[in-house]
Every structure is written in C-alpha cells, then in structure tokens.
C-alpha cells in the first residue's frame, strides 16, 4: 500500500508540474496565431491601400507644355474652365489658329460642341505654310472650314487611344495617330508637342504641323 500510495503521489506531482507549462504553451501559441492573423490583415490592408502602379496618364505632356503659363486663364487649370475656342484664345502659341477659327465662323460651333478632341496647330505650324498660300486659305471660308474641321474628332481621345488609332473627323474623313508614352504623330507627319490638355468640352493635342484633308 505504501508503495502504491507513493506512485500515485509522484504521478500527481508530475502532472501538477507539467500543467503550467502546457497552459503557457497554449497561451503563447494563441498569441502567435493572433499575431499572424493581425500581420496578415495589416498586409492585406496595406495592399488594398497601395495605388495602381501604372495609372492611366491624365496630365498634359510634351516639350511645348513648358511654355504654358503657370496660372491665369491661359494656364492648364484656366483652360480647363473654358470651352475649347475660348481656351485657345488665352494661349499665345495658338493665336494664328484662333484667328483662323474666327475667320471661318467656327467659334460657337467649337465652344458648343460636347466631348470633342482638337488637334491644335501652333503658330509655328501655320508658319510652315508659305504666306501666299496661307493668305489664300484664310480668304477662302469654305476651304478654311474644311481644313479646320479636319482637326476635330467627335469624341474625347485619351493618349492610350492615340497609340494606333484611326478616327472620323468633323470634316467627314479620317485621320490616323500612332505612338506611345509621350511621343505621338498624327498622319505620320505632325508631332504632338503638348498633349492631353483639358478644356471644359474637349481634349486638346497641340501639334507642330497643320493637318491637310485628302
């Protein structure tokens, strides 16, 4: 009996000694599991909060954009508040285009249009045309209207759409675009020098050569 009693006592002592360690191990395991879940949740939250690494280009681009005023009606913010013909009139680099638009009687047409794209030639683009030829075009309203409406597409085009595009113009014939990044050409000859300029009713791509319909 004494031996049996001794063995029972030893077993009880051993169990009592092991129990705290077992409880402690379970507790630590629970903490580790909870910590892992928290870390996983934090990681998921961090990934959800991370913005798209390659958002669509939504700002003006190109070398000629550096010449746009930083503020005022002729700035990017200022032009975004006005319809396209009015916005162009506030940009000194487009003064010849504005004169041509007025001569053709297209100011209201362009200002009242919805969701259009205008490929706007700079003053230097018009200067590439011999003066006698330019004066002749400016004096011929029908021809001038044909040329100017060829620079207008009846939808707002993003830079991505210009990568390999063919679009109907208001002149009723097509123009083509190609390029990528910040380098685009229209009809293979006219380069976009300041692109994705927003006005109240249009996206504007300023180009270095006047486009001629076929």
C-alpha atoms as a PDB file:
ATOM      1  CA  UNK A   1       0.000   0.000   0.000  1.00  0.00           C
ATOM      2  CA  UNK A   2       2.808   2.364   0.872  1.00  0.00           C
ATOM      3  CA  UNK A   3       4.451   1.767  -2.496  1.00  0.00           C
ATOM      4  CA  UNK A   4       1.171   2.281  -4.354  1.00  0.00           C
ATOM      5  CA  UNK A   5       0.477   5.439  -2.419  1.00  0.00           C
ATOM      6  CA  UNK A   6       3.988   6.704  -3.257  1.00  0.00           C
ATOM      7  CA  UNK A   7       3.489   6.081  -7.004  1.00  0.00           C
ATOM      8  CA  UNK A   8       0.125   7.899  -7.013  1.00  0.00           C
ATOM      9  CA  UNK A   9       1.682  10.843  -5.214  1.00  0.00           C
ATOM     10  CA  UNK A  10       4.561  11.015  -7.713  1.00  0.00           C
ATOM     11  CA  UNK A  11       2.163  10.967 -10.684  1.00  0.00           C
ATOM     12  CA  UNK A  12       0.092  13.772  -9.194  1.00  0.00           C
ATOM     13  CA  UNK A  13       3.181  15.907  -8.582  1.00  0.00           C
ATOM     14  CA  UNK A  14       4.415  15.325 -12.128  1.00  0.00           C
ATOM     15  CA  UNK A  15       1.020  16.267 -13.588  1.00  0.00           C
ATOM     16  CA  UNK A  16       0.916  19.398 -11.482  1.00  0.00           C
ATOM     17  CA  UNK A  17       4.386  20.354 -12.692  1.00  0.00           C
ATOM     18  CA  UNK A  18       3.569  19.764 -16.378  1.00  0.00           C
ATOM     19  CA  UNK A  19       0.189  21.579 -16.390  1.00  0.00           C
ATOM     20  CA  UNK A  20       1.506  25.177 -16.124  1.00  0.00           C
ATOM     21  CA  UNK A  21       3.916  24.582 -18.989  1.00  0.00           C
ATOM     22  CA  UNK A  22       1.130  23.129 -21.131  1.00  0.00           C
ATOM     23  CA  UNK A  23      -1.132  26.120 -20.423  1.00  0.00           C
ATOM     24  CA  UNK A  24       1.710  28.525 -21.093  1.00  0.00           C
ATOM     25  CA  UNK A  25       2.488  26.840 -24.408  1.00  0.00           C
ATOM     26  CA  UNK A  26      -1.171  27.034 -25.460  1.00  0.00           C
ATOM     27  CA  UNK A  27      -1.274  30.689 -24.481  1.00  0.00           C
ATOM     28  CA  UNK A  28       1.858  31.533 -26.492  1.00  0.00           C
ATOM     29  CA  UNK A  29       0.514  29.560 -29.454  1.00  0.00           C
ATOM     30  CA  UNK A  30      -2.696  31.596 -29.293  1.00  0.00           C
ATOM     31  CA  UNK A  31      -0.704  34.803 -29.227  1.00  0.00           C
ATOM     32  CA  UNK A  32       1.366  33.699 -32.196  1.00  0.00           C
ATOM     33  CA  UNK A  33      -1.777  32.780 -34.124  1.00  0.00           C
ATOM     34  CA  UNK A  34      -3.410  36.099 -33.303  1.00  0.00           C
ATOM     35  CA  UNK A  35      -0.247  37.966 -34.218  1.00  0.00           C
ATOM     36  CA  UNK A  36      -0.108  36.101 -37.516  1.00  0.00           C
ATOM     37  CA  UNK A  37      -3.724  36.962 -38.257  1.00  0.00           C
ATOM     38  CA  UNK A  38      -3.091  40.618 -37.400  1.00  0.00           C
ATOM     39  CA  UNK A  39       0.000  40.716 -39.609  1.00  0.00           C
ATOM     40  CA  UNK A  40      -1.953  39.115 -42.443  1.00  0.00           C
ATOM     41  CA  UNK A  41      -4.764  41.633 -42.036  1.00  0.00           C
ATOM     42  CA  UNK A  42      -2.271  44.507 -41.934  1.00  0.00           C
ATOM     43  CA  UNK A  43      -0.611  43.170 -45.088  1.00  0.00           C
ATOM     44  CA  UNK A  44      -3.965  42.885 -46.863  1.00  0.00           C
ATOM     45  CA  UNK A  45      -4.921  46.396 -45.797  1.00  0.00           C
ATOM     46  CA  UNK A  46      -1.573  47.704 -46.997  1.00  0.00           C
ATOM     47  CA  UNK A  47      -2.018  46.019 -50.373  1.00  0.00           C
ATOM     48  CA  UNK A  48      -5.541  47.396 -50.701  1.00  0.00           C
ATOM     49  CA  UNK A  49      -4.295  50.902 -49.900  1.00  0.00           C
ATOM     50  CA  UNK A  50      -1.489  50.737 -52.451  1.00  0.00           C
ATOM     51  CA  UNK A  51      -2.484  52.660 -55.615  1.00  0.00           C
ATOM     52  CA  UNK A  52      -2.271  51.157 -59.060  1.00  0.00           C
ATOM     53  CA  UNK A  53       1.371  51.107 -60.064  1.00  0.00           C
ATOM     54  CA  UNK A  54       0.579  52.185 -63.614  1.00  0.00           C
ATOM     55  CA  UNK A  55      -2.340  54.631 -63.624  1.00  0.00           C
ATOM     56  CA  UNK A  56      -3.535  55.986 -66.949  1.00  0.00           C
ATOM     57  CA  UNK A  57      -1.773  59.148 -67.983  1.00  0.00           C
ATOM     58  CA  UNK A  58      -4.061  62.028 -67.118  1.00  0.00           C
ATOM     59  CA  UNK A  59      -1.834  65.095 -67.216  1.00  0.00           C
ATOM     60  CA  UNK A  60      -0.553  67.287 -70.057  1.00  0.00           C
ATOM     61  CA  UNK A  61       2.729  66.083 -71.566  1.00  0.00           C
ATOM     62  CA  UNK A  62       5.239  67.124 -74.200  1.00  0.00           C
ATOM     63  CA  UNK A  63       8.028  69.696 -74.631  1.00  0.00           C
ATOM     64  CA  UNK A  64       5.775  72.620 -75.565  1.00  0.00           C
ATOM     65  CA  UNK A  65       3.829  72.272 -72.298  1.00  0.00           C
ATOM     66  CA  UNK A  66       6.697  74.084 -70.573  1.00  0.00           C
ATOM     67  CA  UNK A  67       5.632  77.263 -72.365  1.00  0.00           C
ATOM     68  CA  UNK A  68       2.111  77.238 -70.913  1.00  0.00           C
ATOM     69  CA  UNK A  69       1.626  79.885 -68.181  1.00  0.00           C
ATOM     70  CA  UNK A  70       1.637  78.578 -64.605  1.00  0.00           C
ATOM     71  CA  UNK A  71      -1.523  80.471 -63.698  1.00  0.00           C
ATOM     72  CA  UNK A  72      -4.281  82.602 -65.152  1.00  0.00           C
ATOM     73  CA  UNK A  73      -6.744  81.939 -67.973  1.00  0.00           C
ATOM     74  CA  UNK A  74      -4.004  80.556 -70.231  1.00  0.00           C
ATOM     75  CA  UNK A  75      -2.761  78.006 -67.687  1.00  0.00           C
ATOM     76  CA  UNK A  76      -3.819  74.363 -67.734  1.00  0.00           C
ATOM     77  CA  UNK A  77      -6.203  74.998 -64.837  1.00  0.00           C
ATOM     78  CA  UNK A  78      -7.570  78.107 -66.526  1.00  0.00           C
ATOM     79  CA  UNK A  79      -8.143  76.402 -69.874  1.00  0.00           C
ATOM     80  CA  UNK A  80      -9.962  73.543 -68.147  1.00  0.00           C
ATOM     81  CA  UNK A  81     -12.673  76.011 -67.110  1.00  0.00           C
ATOM     82  CA  UNK A  82     -13.397  77.383 -70.602  1.00  0.00           C
ATOM     83  CA  UNK A  83     -14.787  75.803 -73.793  1.00  0.00           C
ATOM     84  CA  UNK A  84     -12.136  74.993 -76.353  1.00  0.00           C
ATOM     85  CA  UNK A  85     -12.203  78.037 -78.656  1.00  0.00           C
ATOM     86  CA  UNK A  86     -12.160  80.397 -75.677  1.00  0.00           C
ATOM     87  CA  UNK A  87      -9.403  78.380 -74.006  1.00  0.00           C
ATOM     88  CA  UNK A  88      -7.282  78.505 -77.174  1.00  0.00           C
ATOM     89  CA  UNK A  89      -7.686  82.272 -77.351  1.00  0.00           C
ATOM     90  CA  UNK A  90      -5.930  82.513 -73.972  1.00  0.00           C
ATOM     91  CA  UNK A  91      -2.888  80.613 -75.240  1.00  0.00           C
ATOM     92  CA  UNK A  92      -0.486  82.915 -77.170  1.00  0.00           C
ATOM     93  CA  UNK A  93       1.024  79.935 -79.032  1.00  0.00           C
ATOM     94  CA  UNK A  94      -2.348  79.326 -80.727  1.00  0.00           C
ATOM     95  CA  UNK A  95      -3.129  82.873 -81.860  1.00  0.00           C
ATOM     96  CA  UNK A  96      -2.997  82.032 -85.604  1.00  0.00           C
ATOM     97  CA  UNK A  97      -5.364  79.115 -85.073  1.00  0.00           C
ATOM     98  CA  UNK A  98      -7.752  81.364 -83.151  1.00  0.00           C
ATOM     99  CA  UNK A  99      -7.667  83.907 -85.996  1.00  0.00           C
ATOM    100  CA  UNK A 100      -8.489  81.137 -88.494  1.00  0.00           C
ATOM    101  CA  UNK A 101     -11.334  79.806 -86.326  1.00  0.00           C
ATOM    102  CA  UNK A 102     -12.850  83.283 -86.114  1.00  0.00           C
ATOM    103  CA  UNK A 103     -12.389  83.810 -89.861  1.00  0.00           C
ATOM    104  CA  UNK A 104     -14.273  80.565 -90.545  1.00  0.00           C
ATOM    105  CA  UNK A 105     -17.050  81.442 -88.098  1.00  0.00           C
ATOM    106  CA  UNK A 106     -16.421  78.301 -86.026  1.00  0.00           C
ATOM    107  CA  UNK A 107     -16.066  79.815 -82.551  1.00  0.00           C
ATOM    108  CA  UNK A 108     -19.607  78.977 -81.441  1.00  0.00           C
ATOM    109  CA  UNK A 109     -19.523  75.591 -83.183  1.00  0.00           C
ATOM    110  CA  UNK A 110     -16.436  74.528 -81.235  1.00  0.00           C
ATOM    111  CA  UNK A 111     -17.469  76.112 -77.952  1.00  0.00           C
ATOM    112  CA  UNK A 112     -20.901  74.466 -78.020  1.00  0.00           C
ATOM    113  CA  UNK A 113     -19.712  71.015 -79.090  1.00  0.00           C
ATOM    114  CA  UNK A 114     -19.658  68.263 -76.462  1.00  0.00           C
ATOM    115  CA  UNK A 115     -16.836  65.804 -75.821  1.00  0.00           C
ATOM    116  CA  UNK A 116     -14.534  66.514 -78.757  1.00  0.00           C
ATOM    117  CA  UNK A 117     -10.817  66.291 -79.453  1.00  0.00           C
ATOM    118  CA  UNK A 118      -8.997  69.142 -81.169  1.00  0.00           C
ATOM    119  CA  UNK A 119      -5.577  68.770 -82.765  1.00  0.00           C
ATOM    120  CA  UNK A 120      -4.469  72.389 -82.480  1.00  0.00           C
ATOM    121  CA  UNK A 121      -1.619  73.617 -84.725  1.00  0.00           C
ATOM    122  CA  UNK A 122       0.802  76.090 -83.170  1.00  0.00           C
ATOM    123  CA  UNK A 123       1.721  79.432 -84.724  1.00  0.00           C
ATOM    124  CA  UNK A 124       4.942  77.765 -85.945  1.00  0.00           C
ATOM    125  CA  UNK A 125       2.861  75.072 -87.654  1.00  0.00           C
ATOM    126  CA  UNK A 126       0.990  77.701 -89.666  1.00  0.00           C
ATOM    127  CA  UNK A 127       4.300  79.469 -90.381  1.00  0.00           C
ATOM    128  CA  UNK A 128       5.454  76.359 -92.293  1.00  0.00           C
ATOM    129  CA  UNK A 129       2.823  77.189 -94.934  1.00  0.00           C
ATOM    130  CA  UNK A 130       4.064  79.763 -97.476  1.00  0.00           C
ATOM    131  CA  UNK A 131       2.479  83.122 -96.654  1.00  0.00           C
ATOM    132  CA  UNK A 132       0.794  83.474-100.044  1.00  0.00           C
ATOM    133  CA  UNK A 133      -0.831  80.049 -99.646  1.00  0.00           C
ATOM    134  CA  UNK A 134      -1.893  80.762 -96.065  1.00  0.00           C
ATOM    135  CA  UNK A 135      -3.412  84.101 -97.034  1.00  0.00           C
ATOM    136  CA  UNK A 136      -5.316  82.360 -99.842  1.00  0.00           C
ATOM    137  CA  UNK A 137      -6.718  79.756 -97.432  1.00  0.00           C
ATOM    138  CA  UNK A 138      -7.687  82.369 -94.847  1.00  0.00           C
ATOM    139  CA  UNK A 139      -9.586  84.237 -97.558  1.00  0.00           C
ATOM    140  CA  UNK A 140     -11.493  81.122 -98.673  1.00  0.00           C
ATOM    141  CA  UNK A 141     -14.034  80.356 -95.948  1.00  0.00           C
ATOM    142  CA  UNK A 142     -15.114  77.013 -97.428  1.00  0.00           C
ATOM    143  CA  UNK A 143     -11.527  75.767 -97.717  1.00  0.00           C
ATOM    144  CA  UNK A 144     -10.625  77.126 -94.286  1.00  0.00           C
ATOM    145  CA  UNK A 145     -13.635  75.415 -92.711  1.00  0.00           C
ATOM    146  CA  UNK A 146     -12.690  72.137 -94.407  1.00  0.00           C
ATOM    147  CA  UNK A 147      -9.138  72.299 -93.030  1.00  0.00           C
ATOM    148  CA  UNK A 148     -10.121  73.343 -89.512  1.00  0.00           C
ATOM    149  CA  UNK A 149     -12.876  70.761 -89.091  1.00  0.00           C
ATOM    150  CA  UNK A 150     -10.370  68.119 -90.196  1.00  0.00           C
ATOM    151  CA  UNK A 151      -8.535  68.870 -86.942  1.00  0.00           C
ATOM    152  CA  UNK A 152     -11.576  67.932 -84.825  1.00  0.00           C
ATOM    153  CA  UNK A 153     -12.706  64.439 -83.770  1.00  0.00           C
ATOM    154  CA  UNK A 154     -16.183  63.963 -82.307  1.00  0.00           C
ATOM    155  CA  UNK A 155     -15.060  62.204 -79.118  1.00  0.00           C
ATOM    156  CA  UNK A 156     -12.598  62.805 -76.300  1.00  0.00           C
ATOM    157  CA  UNK A 157      -9.457  60.816 -77.068  1.00  0.00           C
ATOM    158  CA  UNK A 158      -7.055  59.637 -74.383  1.00  0.00           C
ATOM    159  CA  UNK A 159      -3.321  59.253 -75.043  1.00  0.00           C
ATOM    160  CA  UNK A 160      -3.782  55.475 -74.983  1.00  0.00           C
ATOM    161  CA  UNK A 161      -6.253  55.719 -77.872  1.00  0.00           C
ATOM    162  CA  UNK A 162      -3.651  57.554 -79.948  1.00  0.00           C
ATOM    163  CA  UNK A 163      -1.214  54.628 -79.844  1.00  0.00           C
ATOM    164  CA  UNK A 164      -2.665  53.117 -83.010  1.00  0.00           C
ATOM    165  CA  UNK A 165      -5.826  54.926 -83.997  1.00  0.00           C
ATOM    166  CA  UNK A 166      -7.983  55.912 -86.935  1.00  0.00           C
ATOM    167  CA  UNK A 167     -10.715  58.461 -86.251  1.00  0.00           C
ATOM    168  CA  UNK A 168     -13.508  60.178 -88.119  1.00  0.00           C
ATOM    169  CA  UNK A 169     -13.182  63.963 -88.164  1.00  0.00           C
ATOM    170  CA  UNK A 170     -15.891  66.600 -88.369  1.00  0.00           C
ATOM    171  CA  UNK A 171     -14.724  67.162 -91.950  1.00  0.00           C
ATOM    172  CA  UNK A 172     -16.037  63.605 -92.619  1.00  0.00           C
ATOM    173  CA  UNK A 173     -12.694  61.996 -93.480  1.00  0.00           C
ATOM    174  CA  UNK A 174     -10.291  60.104 -91.244  1.00  0.00           C
ATOM    175  CA  UNK A 175      -7.007  60.973 -89.588  1.00  0.00           C
ATOM    176  CA  UNK A 176      -4.601  58.456 -88.070  1.00  0.00           C
ATOM    177  CA  UNK A 177      -2.465  58.514 -84.945  1.00  0.00           C
ATOM    178  CA  UNK A 178       0.443  56.427 -83.704  1.00  0.00           C
ATOM    179  CA  UNK A 179       2.966  56.449 -80.892  1.00  0.00           C
ATOM    180  CA  UNK A 180       3.377  55.681 -77.204  1.00  0.00           C
ATOM    181  CA  UNK A 181       4.369  57.237 -73.906  1.00  0.00           C
ATOM    182  CA  UNK A 182       4.762  60.945 -74.630  1.00  0.00           C
ATOM    183  CA  UNK A 183       5.581  60.695 -78.356  1.00  0.00           C
ATOM    184  CA  UNK A 184       2.711  60.668 -80.849  1.00  0.00           C
ATOM    185  CA  UNK A 185       2.284  61.577 -84.500  1.00  0.00           C
ATOM    186  CA  UNK A 186      -0.847  62.437 -86.456  1.00  0.00           C
ATOM    187  CA  UNK A 187      -0.989  61.229 -90.072  1.00  0.00           C
ATOM    188  CA  UNK A 188       2.656  60.220 -89.697  1.00  0.00           C
ATOM    189  CA  UNK A 189       3.926  63.787 -90.110  1.00  0.00           C
ATOM    190  CA  UNK A 190       2.559  66.081 -87.389  1.00  0.00           C
ATOM    191  CA  UNK A 191       4.010  65.603 -83.900  1.00  0.00           C
ATOM    192  CA  UNK A 192       2.093  66.208 -80.670  1.00  0.00           C
ATOM    193  CA  UNK A 193       4.160  68.802 -78.786  1.00  0.00           C
ATOM    194  CA  UNK A 194       1.796  69.279 -75.840  1.00  0.00           C
ATOM    195  CA  UNK A 195      -0.844  66.629 -75.368  1.00  0.00           C
ATOM    196  CA  UNK A 196      -3.837  65.827 -73.191  1.00  0.00           C
ATOM    197  CA  UNK A 197      -4.702  69.447 -72.443  1.00  0.00           C
ATOM    198  CA  UNK A 198      -8.177  69.623 -70.931  1.00  0.00           C
ATOM    199  CA  UNK A 199     -10.792  72.270 -71.664  1.00  0.00           C
ATOM    200  CA  UNK A 200     -14.388  72.363 -70.479  1.00  0.00           C
ATOM    201  CA  UNK A 201     -15.622  70.423 -73.515  1.00  0.00           C
ATOM    202  CA  UNK A 202     -12.552  68.997 -75.237  1.00  0.00           C
ATOM    203  CA  UNK A 203      -9.224  67.235 -75.041  1.00  0.00           C
ATOM    204  CA  UNK A 204      -6.589  69.196 -76.939  1.00  0.00           C
ATOM    205  CA  UNK A 205      -3.408  67.892 -78.538  1.00  0.00           C
ATOM    206  CA  UNK A 206      -1.192  70.753 -79.726  1.00  0.00           C
ATOM    207  CA  UNK A 207       0.645  69.765 -82.925  1.00  0.00           C
ATOM    208  CA  UNK A 208       3.590  71.174 -84.881  1.00  0.00           C
ATOM    209  CA  UNK A 209       2.177  70.797 -88.419  1.00  0.00           C
ATOM    210  CA  UNK A 210      -1.137  71.773 -89.947  1.00  0.00           C
ATOM    211  CA  UNK A 211      -3.149  68.703 -90.992  1.00  0.00           C
ATOM    212  CA  UNK A 212      -4.449  68.670 -94.539  1.00  0.00           C
ATOM    213  CA  UNK A 213      -7.517  66.596 -95.549  1.00  0.00           C
ATOM    214  CA  UNK A 214      -7.200  64.479 -98.653  1.00  0.00           C
END
